């Protein structure tokens, strides 16, 4: 996205800029969180002992067309981290949600055969 690095992201969200200026609408994402042991570099950077538990996050955000546009990984000290999750009801129906999140190619990959219905 030309000019994105010059945007004032302290006063507006990245997602808002992507949608309003570039027409890229991010609608869903997937984040995994798992416990891992700190390696030597993690221990030095996070001021923990090698082998201490860390929380490892991996996140991917997708557009309406299921194109991945944001990816990140992060490691957090398990003794200083709290995650709060807020859940909202969506306005999409279950068929639309399943189609978006688990379209035919993803269902085929997961179950090993083609599915015609998402519900």
PDB file of N, CA and C in Angstrom:
ATOM      1  N   UNK A   1       0.839  -1.182   0.000  1.00  0.00           N
ATOM      2  CA  UNK A   1       0.000   0.000   0.000  1.00  0.00           C
ATOM      3  C   UNK A   1       0.886   1.248   0.000  1.00  0.00           C
ATOM      4  N   UNK A   2       0.982   1.911  -1.120  1.00  0.00           N
ATOM      5  CA  UNK A   2       1.809   3.114  -1.203  1.00  0.00           C
ATOM      6  C   UNK A   2       1.340   4.175  -0.206  1.00  0.00           C
ATOM      7  N   UNK A   3       2.276   4.748   0.547  1.00  0.00           N
ATOM      8  CA  UNK A   3       1.951   5.809   1.489  1.00  0.00           C
ATOM      9  C   UNK A   3       1.522   5.339   2.864  1.00  0.00           C
ATOM     10  N   UNK A   4       1.387   4.042   3.055  1.00  0.00           N
ATOM     11  CA  UNK A   4       0.907   3.528   4.345  1.00  0.00           C
ATOM     12  C   UNK A   4       1.853   3.890   5.486  1.00  0.00           C
ATOM     13  N   UNK A   5       3.144   3.865   5.241  1.00  0.00           N
ATOM     14  CA  UNK A   5       4.118   4.156   6.300  1.00  0.00           C
ATOM     15  C   UNK A   5       4.052   5.618   6.755  1.00  0.00           C
ATOM     16  N   UNK A   6       3.478   6.484   5.945  1.00  0.00           N
ATOM     17  CA  UNK A   6       3.367   7.896   6.309  1.00  0.00           C
ATOM     18  C   UNK A   6       2.070   8.205   7.055  1.00  0.00           C
ATOM     19  N   UNK A   7       1.182   7.245   7.168  1.00  0.00           N
ATOM     20  CA  UNK A   7      -0.099   7.463   7.855  1.00  0.00           C
ATOM     21  C   UNK A   7       0.112   7.673   9.351  1.00  0.00           C
ATOM     22  N   UNK A   8      -0.747   8.485   9.955  1.00  0.00           N
ATOM     23  CA  UNK A   8      -0.717   8.749  11.398  1.00  0.00           C
ATOM     24  C   UNK A   8      -1.488   7.652  12.115  1.00  0.00           C
ATOM     25  N   UNK A   9      -0.791   6.578  12.472  1.00  0.00           N
ATOM     26  CA  UNK A   9      -1.449   5.435  13.104  1.00  0.00           C
ATOM     27  C   UNK A   9      -1.549   5.580  14.619  1.00  0.00           C
ATOM     28  N   UNK A  10      -1.115   6.709  15.144  1.00  0.00           N
ATOM     29  CA  UNK A  10      -1.331   6.975  16.569  1.00  0.00           C
ATOM     30  C   UNK A  10      -2.738   7.498  16.807  1.00  0.00           C
ATOM     31  N   UNK A  11      -3.340   8.103  15.786  1.00  0.00           N
ATOM     32  CA  UNK A  11      -4.662   8.710  15.933  1.00  0.00           C
ATOM     33  C   UNK A  11      -5.746   8.028  15.115  1.00  0.00           C
ATOM     34  N   UNK A  12      -5.410   6.964  14.428  1.00  0.00           N
ATOM     35  CA  UNK A  12      -6.392   6.179  13.677  1.00  0.00           C
ATOM     36  C   UNK A  12      -5.885   4.749  13.585  1.00  0.00           C
ATOM     37  N   UNK A  13      -6.810   3.819  13.455  1.00  0.00           N
ATOM     38  CA  UNK A  13      -6.399   2.415  13.434  1.00  0.00           C
ATOM     39  C   UNK A  13      -5.883   2.017  12.054  1.00  0.00           C
ATOM     40  N   UNK A  14      -4.985   1.057  12.046  1.00  0.00           N
ATOM     41  CA  UNK A  14      -4.468   0.517  10.793  1.00  0.00           C
ATOM     42  C   UNK A  14      -5.611  -0.040   9.953  1.00  0.00           C
ATOM     43  N   UNK A  15      -6.522  -0.770  10.598  1.00  0.00           N
ATOM     44  CA  UNK A  15      -7.637  -1.371   9.871  1.00  0.00           C
ATOM     45  C   UNK A  15      -8.517  -0.306   9.224  1.00  0.00           C
ATOM     46  N   UNK A  16      -8.722   0.809   9.928  1.00  0.00           N
ATOM     47  CA  UNK A  16      -9.524   1.909   9.395  1.00  0.00           C
ATOM     48  C   UNK A  16      -8.853   2.507   8.161  1.00  0.00           C
ATOM     49  N   UNK A  17      -7.545   2.725   8.224  1.00  0.00           N
ATOM     50  CA  UNK A  17      -6.802   3.275   7.090  1.00  0.00           C
ATOM     51  C   UNK A  17      -6.858   2.314   5.906  1.00  0.00           C
ATOM     52  N   UNK A  18      -6.631   1.033   6.162  1.00  0.00           N
ATOM     53  CA  UNK A  18      -6.666   0.051   5.071  1.00  0.00           C
ATOM     54  C   UNK A  18      -8.017   0.040   4.374  1.00  0.00           C
ATOM     55  N   UNK A  19      -9.093   0.147   5.152  1.00  0.00           N
ATOM     56  CA  UNK A  19     -10.426   0.106   4.548  1.00  0.00           C
ATOM     57  C   UNK A  19     -10.771   1.409   3.830  1.00  0.00           C
ATOM     58  N   UNK A  20     -10.569   2.544   4.494  1.00  0.00           N
ATOM     59  CA  UNK A  20     -10.996   3.825   3.918  1.00  0.00           C
ATOM     60  C   UNK A  20     -10.114   4.291   2.765  1.00  0.00           C
ATOM     61  N   UNK A  21      -8.803   4.119   2.892  1.00  0.00           N
ATOM     62  CA  UNK A  21      -7.894   4.653   1.874  1.00  0.00           C
ATOM     63  C   UNK A  21      -7.561   3.653   0.775  1.00  0.00           C
ATOM     64  N   UNK A  22      -7.507   2.364   1.122  1.00  0.00           N
ATOM     65  CA  UNK A  22      -7.052   1.368   0.156  1.00  0.00           C
ATOM     66  C   UNK A  22      -8.124   0.355  -0.240  1.00  0.00           C
ATOM     67  N   UNK A  23      -9.304   0.451   0.384  1.00  0.00           N
ATOM     68  CA  UNK A  23     -10.393  -0.463   0.044  1.00  0.00           C
ATOM     69  C   UNK A  23     -10.164  -1.896   0.497  1.00  0.00           C
ATOM     70  N   UNK A  24      -9.293  -2.093   1.484  1.00  0.00           N
ATOM     71  CA  UNK A  24      -9.001  -3.434   2.000  1.00  0.00           C
ATOM     72  C   UNK A  24      -9.762  -3.612   3.305  1.00  0.00           C
ATOM     73  N   UNK A  25     -10.775  -4.469   3.291  1.00  0.00           N
ATOM     74  CA  UNK A  25     -11.611  -4.681   4.474  1.00  0.00           C
ATOM     75  C   UNK A  25     -11.208  -5.989   5.151  1.00  0.00           C
ATOM     76  N   UNK A  26     -10.683  -5.868   6.357  1.00  0.00           N
ATOM     77  CA  UNK A  26     -10.288  -7.044   7.129  1.00  0.00           C
ATOM     78  C   UNK A  26     -11.487  -7.496   7.944  1.00  0.00           C
ATOM     79  N   UNK A  27     -11.867  -8.784   7.801  1.00  0.00           N
ATOM     80  CA  UNK A  27     -13.098  -9.204   8.467  1.00  0.00           C
ATOM     81  C   UNK A  27     -12.932 -10.342   9.459  1.00  0.00           C
ATOM     82  N   UNK A  28     -11.829 -11.060   9.397  1.00  0.00           N
ATOM     83  CA  UNK A  28     -11.665 -12.136  10.373  1.00  0.00           C
ATOM     84  C   UNK A  28     -10.194 -12.476  10.534  1.00  0.00           C
ATOM     85  N   UNK A  29      -9.912 -13.120  11.623  1.00  0.00           N
ATOM     86  CA  UNK A  29      -8.541 -13.509  11.887  1.00  0.00           C
ATOM     87  C   UNK A  29      -8.495 -14.756  12.734  1.00  0.00           C
ATOM     88  N   UNK A  30      -7.307 -15.289  12.832  1.00  0.00           N
ATOM     89  CA  UNK A  30      -7.097 -16.490  13.637  1.00  0.00           C
ATOM     90  C   UNK A  30      -5.857 -16.260  14.486  1.00  0.00           C
ATOM     91  N   UNK A  31      -5.984 -16.464  15.777  1.00  0.00           N
ATOM     92  CA  UNK A  31      -4.854 -16.285  16.686  1.00  0.00           C
ATOM     93  C   UNK A  31      -4.697 -17.541  17.515  1.00  0.00           C
ATOM     94  N   UNK A  32      -3.490 -18.061  17.553  1.00  0.00           N
ATOM     95  CA  UNK A  32      -3.202 -19.204  18.417  1.00  0.00           C
ATOM     96  C   UNK A  32      -2.294 -18.733  19.542  1.00  0.00           C
ATOM     97  N   UNK A  33      -2.513 -19.308  20.707  1.00  0.00           N
ATOM     98  CA  UNK A  33      -1.697 -19.003  21.879  1.00  0.00           C
ATOM     99  C   UNK A  33      -1.259 -20.335  22.456  1.00  0.00           C
ATOM    100  N   UNK A  34       0.038 -20.493  22.642  1.00  0.00           N
ATOM    101  CA  UNK A  34       0.528 -21.741  23.225  1.00  0.00           C
ATOM    102  C   UNK A  34       1.691 -21.459  24.167  1.00  0.00           C
ATOM    103  N   UNK A  35       1.849 -22.333  25.133  1.00  0.00           N
ATOM    104  CA  UNK A  35       2.964 -22.225  26.073  1.00  0.00           C
ATOM    105  C   UNK A  35       4.197 -22.867  25.447  1.00  0.00           C
ATOM    106  N   UNK A  36       5.327 -22.161  25.548  1.00  0.00           N
ATOM    107  CA  UNK A  36       6.601 -22.685  25.050  1.00  0.00           C
ATOM    108  C   UNK A  36       7.687 -22.359  26.080  1.00  0.00           C
ATOM    109  N   UNK A  37       8.782 -23.120  26.083  1.00  0.00           N
ATOM    110  CA  UNK A  37       9.890 -22.783  26.979  1.00  0.00           C
ATOM    111  C   UNK A  37      10.770 -21.698  26.350  1.00  0.00           C
ATOM    112  N   UNK A  38      11.276 -20.797  27.170  1.00  0.00           N
ATOM    113  CA  UNK A  38      12.167 -19.741  26.681  1.00  0.00           C
ATOM    114  C   UNK A  38      13.492 -20.344  26.225  1.00  0.00           C
ATOM    115  N   UNK A  39      13.933 -19.963  25.024  1.00  0.00           N
ATOM    116  CA  UNK A  39      15.273 -20.368  24.604  1.00  0.00           C
ATOM    117  C   UNK A  39      16.265 -19.323  25.137  1.00  0.00           C
ATOM    118  N   UNK A  40      17.533 -19.467  24.817  1.00  0.00           N
ATOM    119  CA  UNK A  40      18.562 -18.573  25.358  1.00  0.00           C
ATOM    120  C   UNK A  40      18.313 -17.110  24.970  1.00  0.00           C
ATOM    121  N   UNK A  41      17.953 -16.874  23.712  1.00  0.00           N
ATOM    122  CA  UNK A  41      17.700 -15.500  23.257  1.00  0.00           C
ATOM    123  C   UNK A  41      16.466 -14.920  23.944  1.00  0.00           C
ATOM    124  N   UNK A  42      15.379 -15.706  24.023  1.00  0.00           N
ATOM    125  CA  UNK A  42      14.167 -15.245  24.713  1.00  0.00           C
ATOM    126  C   UNK A  42      14.489 -14.881  26.158  1.00  0.00           C
ATOM    127  N   UNK A  43      15.242 -15.744  26.834  1.00  0.00           N
ATOM    128  CA  UNK A  43      15.586 -15.535  28.240  1.00  0.00           C
ATOM    129  C   UNK A  43      16.342 -14.220  28.426  1.00  0.00           C
ATOM    130  N   UNK A  44      17.287 -13.965  27.537  1.00  0.00           N
ATOM    131  CA  UNK A  44      18.064 -12.720  27.631  1.00  0.00           C
ATOM    132  C   UNK A  44      17.185 -11.497  27.379  1.00  0.00           C
ATOM    133  N   UNK A  45      16.388 -11.538  26.322  1.00  0.00           N
ATOM    134  CA  UNK A  45      15.565 -10.384  25.954  1.00  0.00           C
ATOM    135  C   UNK A  45      14.428 -10.119  26.942  1.00  0.00           C
ATOM    136  N   UNK A  46      13.834 -11.182  27.476  1.00  0.00           N
ATOM    137  CA  UNK A  46      12.673 -11.029  28.361  1.00  0.00           C
ATOM    138  C   UNK A  46      13.034 -11.100  29.841  1.00  0.00           C
ATOM    139  N   UNK A  47      14.324 -11.259  30.109  1.00  0.00           N
ATOM    140  CA  UNK A  47      14.828 -11.304  31.494  1.00  0.00           C
ATOM    141  C   UNK A  47      14.158 -12.411  32.311  1.00  0.00           C
ATOM    142  N   UNK A  48      14.192 -13.612  31.732  1.00  0.00           N
ATOM    143  CA  UNK A  48      13.713 -14.822  32.408  1.00  0.00           C
ATOM    144  C   UNK A  48      14.821 -15.867  32.307  1.00  0.00           C
ATOM    145  N   UNK A  49      14.610 -16.994  32.948  1.00  0.00           N
ATOM    146  CA  UNK A  49      15.575 -18.091  32.850  1.00  0.00           C
ATOM    147  C   UNK A  49      15.264 -18.934  31.617  1.00  0.00           C
ATOM    148  N   UNK A  50      16.317 -19.501  31.032  1.00  0.00           N
ATOM    149  CA  UNK A  50      16.122 -20.424  29.919  1.00  0.00           C
ATOM    150  C   UNK A  50      15.225 -21.559  30.406  1.00  0.00           C
ATOM    151  N   UNK A  51      14.197 -21.871  29.623  1.00  0.00           N
ATOM    152  CA  UNK A  51      13.252 -22.923  29.990  1.00  0.00           C
ATOM    153  C   UNK A  51      12.012 -22.414  30.703  1.00  0.00           C
ATOM    154  N   UNK A  52      12.026 -21.152  31.185  1.00  0.00           N
ATOM    155  CA  UNK A  52      10.824 -20.595  31.817  1.00  0.00           C
ATOM    156  C   UNK A  52       9.685 -20.552  30.795  1.00  0.00           C
ATOM    157  N   UNK A  53       8.437 -20.663  31.253  1.00  0.00           N
ATOM    158  CA  UNK A  53       7.314 -20.664  30.313  1.00  0.00           C
ATOM    159  C   UNK A  53       7.050 -19.285  29.711  1.00  0.00           C
ATOM    160  N   UNK A  54       6.827 -19.281  28.422  1.00  0.00           N
ATOM    161  CA  UNK A  54       6.408 -18.092  27.687  1.00  0.00           C
ATOM    162  C   UNK A  54       5.099 -18.411  26.989  1.00  0.00           C
ATOM    163  N   UNK A  55       4.352 -17.373  26.647  1.00  0.00           N
ATOM    164  CA  UNK A  55       3.162 -17.541  25.816  1.00  0.00           C
ATOM    165  C   UNK A  55       3.518 -17.060  24.415  1.00  0.00           C
ATOM    166  N   UNK A  56       3.343 -17.941  23.450  1.00  0.00           N
ATOM    167  CA  UNK A  56       3.679 -17.655  22.059  1.00  0.00           C
ATOM    168  C   UNK A  56       2.386 -17.414  21.292  1.00  0.00           C
ATOM    169  N   UNK A  57       2.276 -16.231  20.676  1.00  0.00           N
ATOM    170  CA  UNK A  57       1.103 -15.878  19.881  1.00  0.00           C
ATOM    171  C   UNK A  57       1.475 -15.868  18.414  1.00  0.00           C
ATOM    172  N   UNK A  58       0.583 -16.408  17.593  1.00  0.00           N
ATOM    173  CA  UNK A  58       0.717 -16.346  16.139  1.00  0.00           C
ATOM    174  C   UNK A  58      -0.646 -15.887  15.627  1.00  0.00           C
ATOM    175  N   UNK A  59      -0.655 -14.850  14.795  1.00  0.00           N
ATOM    176  CA  UNK A  59      -1.919 -14.268  14.353  1.00  0.00           C
ATOM    177  C   UNK A  59      -1.897 -13.996  12.854  1.00  0.00           C
ATOM    178  N   UNK A  60      -3.017 -14.289  12.203  1.00  0.00           N
ATOM    179  CA  UNK A  60      -3.200 -13.997  10.782  1.00  0.00           C
ATOM    180  C   UNK A  60      -4.565 -13.332  10.634  1.00  0.00           C
ATOM    181  N   UNK A  61      -4.613 -12.220   9.891  1.00  0.00           N
ATOM    182  CA  UNK A  61      -5.864 -11.510   9.641  1.00  0.00           C
ATOM    183  C   UNK A  61      -6.149 -11.552   8.145  1.00  0.00           C
ATOM    184  N   UNK A  62      -7.437 -11.764   7.807  1.00  0.00           N
ATOM    185  CA  UNK A  62      -7.855 -11.981   6.422  1.00  0.00           C
ATOM    186  C   UNK A  62      -8.850 -10.924   5.948  1.00  0.00           C
ATOM    187  N   UNK A  63      -8.866 -10.712   4.630  1.00  0.00           N
ATOM    188  CA  UNK A  63      -9.837  -9.822   3.992  1.00  0.00           C
ATOM    189  C   UNK A  63     -11.135 -10.578   3.735  1.00  0.00           C
ATOM    190  N   UNK A  64     -12.102  -9.860   3.175  1.00  0.00           N
ATOM    191  CA  UNK A  64     -13.381 -10.471   2.797  1.00  0.00           C
ATOM    192  C   UNK A  64     -13.182 -11.655   1.852  1.00  0.00           C
ATOM    193  N   UNK A  65     -12.190 -11.594   0.998  1.00  0.00           N
ATOM    194  CA  UNK A  65     -11.923 -12.671   0.055  1.00  0.00           C
ATOM    195  C   UNK A  65     -10.986 -13.737   0.595  1.00  0.00           C
ATOM    196  N   UNK A  66     -10.811 -13.768   1.912  1.00  0.00           N
ATOM    197  CA  UNK A  66      -9.937 -14.740   2.581  1.00  0.00           C
ATOM    198  C   UNK A  66      -8.475 -14.636   2.165  1.00  0.00           C
ATOM    199  N   UNK A  67      -8.045 -13.414   1.854  1.00  0.00           N
ATOM    200  CA  UNK A  67      -6.641 -13.175   1.531  1.00  0.00           C
ATOM    201  C   UNK A  67      -5.931 -12.754   2.821  1.00  0.00           C
ATOM    202  N   UNK A  68      -4.871 -13.457   3.218  1.00  0.00           N
ATOM    203  CA  UNK A  68      -4.155 -13.052   4.430  1.00  0.00           C
ATOM    204  C   UNK A  68      -3.369 -11.766   4.172  1.00  0.00           C
ATOM    205  N   UNK A  69      -3.544 -10.764   5.033  1.00  0.00           N
ATOM    206  CA  UNK A  69      -2.842  -9.492   4.835  1.00  0.00           C
ATOM    207  C   UNK A  69      -2.036  -9.056   6.055  1.00  0.00           C
ATOM    208  N   UNK A  70      -2.270  -9.677   7.195  1.00  0.00           N
ATOM    209  CA  UNK A  70      -1.511  -9.313   8.391  1.00  0.00           C
ATOM    210  C   UNK A  70      -1.073 -10.595   9.086  1.00  0.00           C
ATOM    211  N   UNK A  71       0.211 -10.652   9.433  1.00  0.00           N
ATOM    212  CA  UNK A  71       0.739 -11.815  10.134  1.00  0.00           C
ATOM    213  C   UNK A  71       1.703 -11.320  11.193  1.00  0.00           C
ATOM    214  N   UNK A  72       1.603 -11.885  12.371  1.00  0.00           N
ATOM    215  CA  UNK A  72       2.623 -11.580  13.366  1.00  0.00           C
ATOM    216  C   UNK A  72       2.793 -12.713  14.355  1.00  0.00           C
ATOM    217  N   UNK A  73       3.965 -12.705  14.979  1.00  0.00           N
ATOM    218  CA  UNK A  73       4.288 -13.631  16.059  1.00  0.00           C
ATOM    219  C   UNK A  73       4.798 -12.794  17.219  1.00  0.00           C
ATOM    220  N   UNK A  74       4.471 -13.210  18.433  1.00  0.00           N
ATOM    221  CA  UNK A  74       4.936 -12.501  19.629  1.00  0.00           C
ATOM    222  C   UNK A  74       5.141 -13.498  20.753  1.00  0.00           C
ATOM    223  N   UNK A  75       6.089 -13.192  21.612  1.00  0.00           N
ATOM    224  CA  UNK A  75       6.329 -14.012  22.801  1.00  0.00           C
ATOM    225  C   UNK A  75       6.144 -13.123  24.023  1.00  0.00           C
ATOM    226  N   UNK A  76       5.383 -13.628  24.997  1.00  0.00           N
ATOM    227  CA  UNK A  76       5.079 -12.883  26.215  1.00  0.00           C
ATOM    228  C   UNK A  76       5.525 -13.684  27.426  1.00  0.00           C
ATOM    229  N   UNK A  77       5.985 -12.981  28.431  1.00  0.00           N
ATOM    230  CA  UNK A  77       6.290 -13.641  29.701  1.00  0.00           C
ATOM    231  C   UNK A  77       4.987 -14.148  30.299  1.00  0.00           C
ATOM    232  N   UNK A  78       4.953 -15.413  30.643  1.00  0.00           N
ATOM    233  CA  UNK A  78       3.733 -16.007  31.192  1.00  0.00           C
ATOM    234  C   UNK A  78       3.397 -15.443  32.565  1.00  0.00           C
ATOM    235  N   UNK A  79       4.404 -14.987  33.307  1.00  0.00           N
ATOM    236  CA  UNK A  79       4.159 -14.472  34.657  1.00  0.00           C
ATOM    237  C   UNK A  79       3.706 -13.017  34.680  1.00  0.00           C
ATOM    238  N   UNK A  80       3.658 -12.375  33.517  1.00  0.00           N
ATOM    239  CA  UNK A  80       3.268 -10.960  33.455  1.00  0.00           C
ATOM    240  C   UNK A  80       2.243 -10.689  32.368  1.00  0.00           C
ATOM    241  N   UNK A  81       1.515 -11.687  31.977  1.00  0.00           N
ATOM    242  CA  UNK A  81       0.592 -11.540  30.858  1.00  0.00           C
ATOM    243  C   UNK A  81      -0.807 -11.976  31.248  1.00  0.00           C
ATOM    244  N   UNK A  82      -1.774 -11.185  30.819  1.00  0.00           N
ATOM    245  CA  UNK A  82      -3.178 -11.556  30.978  1.00  0.00           C
ATOM    246  C   UNK A  82      -3.874 -11.194  29.668  1.00  0.00           C
ATOM    247  N   UNK A  83      -4.649 -12.106  29.149  1.00  0.00           N
ATOM    248  CA  UNK A  83      -5.422 -11.855  27.947  1.00  0.00           C
ATOM    249  C   UNK A  83      -6.885 -11.733  28.336  1.00  0.00           C
ATOM    250  N   UNK A  84      -7.548 -10.740  27.782  1.00  0.00           N
ATOM    251  CA  UNK A  84      -8.983 -10.560  27.990  1.00  0.00           C
ATOM    252  C   UNK A  84      -9.643 -10.745  26.634  1.00  0.00           C
ATOM    253  N   UNK A  85     -10.635 -11.599  26.576  1.00  0.00           N
ATOM    254  CA  UNK A  85     -11.340 -11.867  25.330  1.00  0.00           C
ATOM    255  C   UNK A  85     -12.774 -11.382  25.453  1.00  0.00           C
ATOM    256  N   UNK A  86     -13.199 -10.559  24.513  1.00  0.00           N
ATOM    257  CA  UNK A  86     -14.587 -10.106  24.470  1.00  0.00           C
ATOM    258  C   UNK A  86     -15.254 -10.807  23.302  1.00  0.00           C
ATOM    259  N   UNK A  87     -16.420 -11.315  23.526  1.00  0.00           N
ATOM    260  CA  UNK A  87     -17.153 -12.045  22.499  1.00  0.00           C
ATOM    261  C   UNK A  87     -18.387 -11.250  22.101  1.00  0.00           C
ATOM    262  N   UNK A  88     -18.629 -11.164  20.810  1.00  0.00           N
ATOM    263  CA  UNK A  88     -19.786 -10.458  20.298  1.00  0.00           C
ATOM    264  C   UNK A  88     -20.549 -11.365  19.353  1.00  0.00           C
ATOM    265  N   UNK A  89     -21.819 -11.188  19.346  1.00  0.00           N
ATOM    266  CA  UNK A  89     -22.650 -11.912  18.392  1.00  0.00           C
ATOM    267  C   UNK A  89     -22.469 -11.259  17.032  1.00  0.00           C
ATOM    268  N   UNK A  90     -22.332 -12.066  16.004  1.00  0.00           N
ATOM    269  CA  UNK A  90     -22.159 -11.542  14.655  1.00  0.00           C
ATOM    270  C   UNK A  90     -23.510 -11.373  13.971  1.00  0.00           C
ATOM    271  N   UNK A  91     -23.552 -10.507  12.973  1.00  0.00           N
ATOM    272  CA  UNK A  91     -24.774 -10.323  12.198  1.00  0.00           C
ATOM    273  C   UNK A  91     -24.846 -11.303  11.028  1.00  0.00           C
ATOM    274  N   UNK A  92     -23.779 -12.056  10.806  1.00  0.00           N
ATOM    275  CA  UNK A  92     -23.771 -13.055   9.739  1.00  0.00           C
ATOM    276  C   UNK A  92     -24.469 -14.315  10.229  1.00  0.00           C
ATOM    277  N   UNK A  93     -25.147 -15.018   9.319  1.00  0.00           N
ATOM    278  CA  UNK A  93     -25.746 -16.291   9.721  1.00  0.00           C
ATOM    279  C   UNK A  93     -24.681 -17.388   9.683  1.00  0.00           C
ATOM    280  N   UNK A  94     -25.010 -18.544  10.244  1.00  0.00           N
ATOM    281  CA  UNK A  94     -24.006 -19.603  10.387  1.00  0.00           C
ATOM    282  C   UNK A  94     -23.474 -20.094   9.042  1.00  0.00           C
ATOM    283  N   UNK A  95     -24.315 -20.141   8.020  1.00  0.00           N
ATOM    284  CA  UNK A  95     -23.848 -20.597   6.708  1.00  0.00           C
ATOM    285  C   UNK A  95     -22.814 -19.618   6.148  1.00  0.00           C
ATOM    286  N   UNK A  96     -23.092 -18.330   6.313  1.00  0.00           N
ATOM    287  CA  UNK A  96     -22.182 -17.301   5.823  1.00  0.00           C
ATOM    288  C   UNK A  96     -20.856 -17.333   6.590  1.00  0.00           C
ATOM    289  N   UNK A  97     -20.925 -17.529   7.904  1.00  0.00           N
ATOM    290  CA  UNK A  97     -19.713 -17.613   8.714  1.00  0.00           C
ATOM    291  C   UNK A  97     -18.886 -18.819   8.296  1.00  0.00           C
ATOM    292  N   UNK A  98     -19.529 -19.977   8.195  1.00  0.00           N
ATOM    293  CA  UNK A  98     -18.807 -21.193   7.811  1.00  0.00           C
ATOM    294  C   UNK A  98     -18.197 -21.074   6.424  1.00  0.00           C
ATOM    295  N   UNK A  99     -18.928 -20.459   5.505  1.00  0.00           N
ATOM    296  CA  UNK A  99     -18.416 -20.271   4.156  1.00  0.00           C
ATOM    297  C   UNK A  99     -17.182 -19.379   4.172  1.00  0.00           C
ATOM    298  N   UNK A 100     -17.222 -18.322   4.980  1.00  0.00           N
ATOM    299  CA  UNK A 100     -16.097 -17.395   5.071  1.00  0.00           C
ATOM    300  C   UNK A 100     -14.887 -18.049   5.723  1.00  0.00           C
ATOM    301  N   UNK A 101     -15.113 -18.709   6.848  1.00  0.00           N
ATOM    302  CA  UNK A 101     -14.003 -19.256   7.616  1.00  0.00           C
ATOM    303  C   UNK A 101     -13.501 -20.594   7.104  1.00  0.00           C
ATOM    304  N   UNK A 102     -14.421 -21.405   6.597  1.00  0.00           N
ATOM    305  CA  UNK A 102     -14.056 -22.782   6.246  1.00  0.00           C
ATOM    306  C   UNK A 102     -14.505 -23.130   4.839  1.00  0.00           C
ATOM    307  N   UNK A 103     -14.321 -22.210   3.888  1.00  0.00           N
ATOM    308  CA  UNK A 103     -14.758 -22.446   2.521  1.00  0.00           C
ATOM    309  C   UNK A 103     -14.405 -23.837   2.021  1.00  0.00           C
ATOM    310  N   UNK A 104     -14.925 -24.238   0.867  1.00  0.00           N
ATOM    311  CA  UNK A 104     -14.741 -25.603   0.371  1.00  0.00           C
ATOM    312  C   UNK A 104     -13.300 -26.093   0.393  1.00  0.00           C
ATOM    313  N   UNK A 105     -12.354 -25.231   0.028  1.00  0.00           N
ATOM    314  CA  UNK A 105     -10.963 -25.701  -0.009  1.00  0.00           C
ATOM    315  C   UNK A 105     -10.452 -26.025   1.387  1.00  0.00           C
ATOM    316  N   UNK A 106     -10.860 -25.253   2.387  1.00  0.00           N
ATOM    317  CA  UNK A 106     -10.412 -25.528   3.750  1.00  0.00           C
ATOM    318  C   UNK A 106     -11.094 -26.772   4.295  1.00  0.00           C
ATOM    319  N   UNK A 107     -12.381 -26.962   3.989  1.00  0.00           N
ATOM    320  CA  UNK A 107     -13.079 -28.160   4.452  1.00  0.00           C
ATOM    321  C   UNK A 107     -12.483 -29.396   3.801  1.00  0.00           C
ATOM    322  N   UNK A 108     -12.182 -29.297   2.516  1.00  0.00           N
ATOM    323  CA  UNK A 108     -11.593 -30.428   1.812  1.00  0.00           C
ATOM    324  C   UNK A 108     -10.250 -30.786   2.427  1.00  0.00           C
ATOM    325  N   UNK A 109      -9.450 -29.775   2.701  1.00  0.00           N
ATOM    326  CA  UNK A 109      -8.136 -30.017   3.294  1.00  0.00           C
ATOM    327  C   UNK A 109      -8.283 -30.683   4.661  1.00  0.00           C
ATOM    328  N   UNK A 110      -9.260 -30.235   5.445  1.00  0.00           N
ATOM    329  CA  UNK A 110      -9.431 -30.756   6.799  1.00  0.00           C
ATOM    330  C   UNK A 110     -10.038 -32.155   6.800  1.00  0.00           C
ATOM    331  N   UNK A 111     -11.104 -32.355   6.022  1.00  0.00           N
ATOM    332  CA  UNK A 111     -11.823 -33.621   6.063  1.00  0.00           C
ATOM    333  C   UNK A 111     -11.435 -34.587   4.946  1.00  0.00           C
ATOM    334  N   UNK A 112     -10.729 -34.105   3.932  1.00  0.00           N
ATOM    335  CA  UNK A 112     -10.267 -34.978   2.870  1.00  0.00           C
ATOM    336  C   UNK A 112     -11.285 -35.244   1.781  1.00  0.00           C
ATOM    337  N   UNK A 113     -12.388 -34.511   1.764  1.00  0.00           N
ATOM    338  CA  UNK A 113     -13.362 -34.656   0.677  1.00  0.00           C
ATOM    339  C   UNK A 113     -14.095 -33.336   0.491  1.00  0.00           C
ATOM    340  N   UNK A 114     -14.755 -33.193  -0.639  1.00  0.00           N
ATOM    341  CA  UNK A 114     -15.467 -31.956  -0.958  1.00  0.00           C
ATOM    342  C   UNK A 114     -16.801 -31.903  -0.228  1.00  0.00           C
ATOM    343  N   UNK A 115     -17.127 -30.738   0.323  1.00  0.00           N
ATOM    344  CA  UNK A 115     -18.414 -30.529   0.983  1.00  0.00           C
ATOM    345  C   UNK A 115     -19.202 -29.499   0.205  1.00  0.00           C
ATOM    346  N   UNK A 116     -20.457 -29.787  -0.059  1.00  0.00           N
ATOM    347  CA  UNK A 116     -21.321 -28.868  -0.785  1.00  0.00           C
ATOM    348  C   UNK A 116     -22.018 -27.901   0.163  1.00  0.00           C
ATOM    349  N   UNK A 117     -22.285 -28.329   1.367  1.00  0.00           N
ATOM    350  CA  UNK A 117     -23.019 -27.518   2.328  1.00  0.00           C
ATOM    351  C   UNK A 117     -22.097 -27.127   3.470  1.00  0.00           C
ATOM    352  N   UNK A 118     -22.312 -25.948   4.016  1.00  0.00           N
ATOM    353  CA  UNK A 118     -21.500 -25.457   5.121  1.00  0.00           C
ATOM    354  C   UNK A 118     -22.216 -25.567   6.455  1.00  0.00           C
ATOM    355  N   UNK A 119     -23.462 -25.978   6.460  1.00  0.00           N
ATOM    356  CA  UNK A 119     -24.201 -26.026   7.727  1.00  0.00           C
ATOM    357  C   UNK A 119     -24.501 -27.444   8.114  1.00  0.00           C
TER     358      UNK A 119
END
